[in-house]
Amino acid sequence: MLEIGLLLGGMAAIVTVLIAVVLRRNSRTENADGLLMEQYARDQAHDDRMTYRYTNVIFEVPPNRRDPHRR
């Protein structure tokens, strides 16, 4: 009986933590400083995605003489 209580208590704790995380993610910033910080973070994330995205550099290299696959 104790094991079932511990199991249900652990599951309730996990559910509580998950609900807190979801509610925190959906919260909105109300003051100007927070909005500026969010805007800067959003711009930085966009710049990082554009800088480090996948490019076709591998396929733009001309084949050498020993390359059996001619492009």
C-alpha atoms as a PDB file:
ATOM      1  CA  MET A   1       0.000   0.000   0.000  1.00  0.00           C
ATOM      2  CA  LEU A   2       2.888   2.323   0.802  1.00  0.00           C
ATOM      3  CA  GLU A   3       4.404   1.683  -2.625  1.00  0.00           C
ATOM      4  CA  ILE A   4       1.196   2.705  -4.375  1.00  0.00           C
ATOM      5  CA  GLY A   5       1.048   5.901  -2.320  1.00  0.00           C
ATOM      6  CA  LEU A   6       4.656   6.720  -3.188  1.00  0.00           C
ATOM      7  CA  LEU A   7       4.018   6.015  -6.866  1.00  0.00           C
ATOM      8  CA  LEU A   8       0.937   8.219  -6.975  1.00  0.00           C
ATOM      9  CA  GLY A   9       2.717  10.949  -4.990  1.00  0.00           C
ATOM     10  CA  GLY A  10       5.649  10.879  -7.413  1.00  0.00           C
ATOM     11  CA  MET A  11       3.332  11.072 -10.394  1.00  0.00           C
ATOM     12  CA  ALA A  12       1.470  13.997  -8.828  1.00  0.00           C
ATOM     13  CA  ALA A  13       4.773  15.802  -8.253  1.00  0.00           C
ATOM     14  CA  ILE A  14       5.800  15.285 -11.884  1.00  0.00           C
ATOM     15  CA  VAL A  15       2.430  16.551 -13.137  1.00  0.00           C
ATOM     16  CA  THR A  16       2.714  19.619 -10.891  1.00  0.00           C
ATOM     17  CA  VAL A  17       6.182  20.435 -12.217  1.00  0.00           C
ATOM     18  CA  LEU A  18       5.060  19.996 -15.831  1.00  0.00           C
ATOM     19  CA  ILE A  19       2.060  22.272 -15.309  1.00  0.00           C
ATOM     20  CA  ALA A  20       4.307  24.921 -13.756  1.00  0.00           C
ATOM     21  CA  VAL A  21       6.702  24.746 -16.724  1.00  0.00           C
ATOM     22  CA  VAL A  22       3.890  25.090 -19.263  1.00  0.00           C
ATOM     23  CA  LEU A  23       2.326  28.018 -17.416  1.00  0.00           C
ATOM     24  CA  ARG A  24       5.684  29.765 -17.154  1.00  0.00           C
ATOM     25  CA  ARG A  25       6.329  29.444 -20.874  1.00  0.00           C
ATOM     26  CA  ASN A  26       3.001  31.019 -21.721  1.00  0.00           C
ATOM     27  CA  SER A  27       3.461  34.025 -19.445  1.00  0.00           C
ATOM     28  CA  ARG A  28       3.775  37.404 -21.114  1.00  0.00           C
ATOM     29  CA  THR A  29       6.194  40.133 -20.220  1.00  0.00           C
ATOM     30  CA  GLU A  30       4.474  43.309 -19.157  1.00  0.00           C
ATOM     31  CA  ASN A  31       7.238  45.889 -18.735  1.00  0.00           C
ATOM     32  CA  ALA A  32       9.371  47.544 -21.419  1.00  0.00           C
ATOM     33  CA  ASP A  33      12.673  46.061 -20.233  1.00  0.00           C
ATOM     34  CA  GLY A  34      11.335  42.535 -20.519  1.00  0.00           C
ATOM     35  CA  LEU A  35       9.912  43.225 -23.959  1.00  0.00           C
ATOM     36  CA  LEU A  36      13.256  44.597 -25.142  1.00  0.00           C
ATOM     37  CA  MET A  37      15.045  41.537 -23.771  1.00  0.00           C
ATOM     38  CA  GLU A  38      12.606  39.227 -25.549  1.00  0.00           C
ATOM     39  CA  GLN A  39      13.018  41.148 -28.804  1.00  0.00           C
ATOM     40  CA  TYR A  40      16.812  40.957 -28.551  1.00  0.00           C
ATOM     41  CA  ALA A  41      16.686  37.216 -27.833  1.00  0.00           C
ATOM     42  CA  ARG A  42      14.318  36.652 -30.775  1.00  0.00           C
ATOM     43  CA  ASP A  43      16.570  38.647 -33.115  1.00  0.00           C
ATOM     44  CA  GLN A  44      19.663  36.810 -31.876  1.00  0.00           C
ATOM     45  CA  ALA A  45      18.003  33.421 -32.421  1.00  0.00           C
ATOM     46  CA  HIS A  46      17.017  34.446 -35.955  1.00  0.00           C
ATOM     47  CA  ASP A  47      20.555  35.611 -36.726  1.00  0.00           C
ATOM     48  CA  ASP A  48      21.999  32.371 -35.357  1.00  0.00           C
ATOM     49  CA  ARG A  49      19.635  30.280 -37.483  1.00  0.00           C
ATOM     50  CA  MET A  50      20.641  32.192 -40.600  1.00  0.00           C
ATOM     51  CA  THR A  51      24.355  32.048 -39.788  1.00  0.00           C
ATOM     52  CA  TYR A  52      24.637  28.362 -38.883  1.00  0.00           C
ATOM     53  CA  ARG A  53      22.077  26.827 -41.220  1.00  0.00           C
ATOM     54  CA  TYR A  54      22.909  23.992 -43.585  1.00  0.00           C
ATOM     55  CA  THR A  55      24.358  25.005 -46.916  1.00  0.00           C
ATOM     56  CA  ASN A  56      25.250  22.993 -49.986  1.00  0.00           C
ATOM     57  CA  VAL A  57      28.968  23.696 -49.723  1.00  0.00           C
ATOM     58  CA  ILE A  58      29.765  19.985 -50.018  1.00  0.00           C
ATOM     59  CA  PHE A  59      28.063  19.701 -53.395  1.00  0.00           C
ATOM     60  CA  GLU A  60      29.642  22.821 -54.894  1.00  0.00           C
ATOM     61  CA  VAL A  61      33.170  21.382 -54.862  1.00  0.00           C
ATOM     62  CA  PRO A  62      34.334  20.337 -58.349  1.00  0.00           C
ATOM     63  CA  PRO A  63      35.315  16.655 -58.673  1.00  0.00           C
ATOM     64  CA  ASN A  64      38.976  15.733 -58.822  1.00  0.00           C
ATOM     65  CA  ARG A  65      40.515  13.484 -61.480  1.00  0.00           C
ATOM     66  CA  ARG A  66      40.252  10.326 -59.382  1.00  0.00           C
ATOM     67  CA  ASP A  67      36.580  10.876 -58.565  1.00  0.00           C
ATOM     68  CA  PRO A  68      34.641   8.081 -60.336  1.00  0.00           C
ATOM     69  CA  HIS A  69      31.365   9.988 -60.118  1.00  0.00           C
ATOM     70  CA  ARG A  70      31.422  12.782 -62.677  1.00  0.00           C
ATOM     71  CA  ARG A  71      29.076  15.644 -61.949  1.00  0.00           C
END
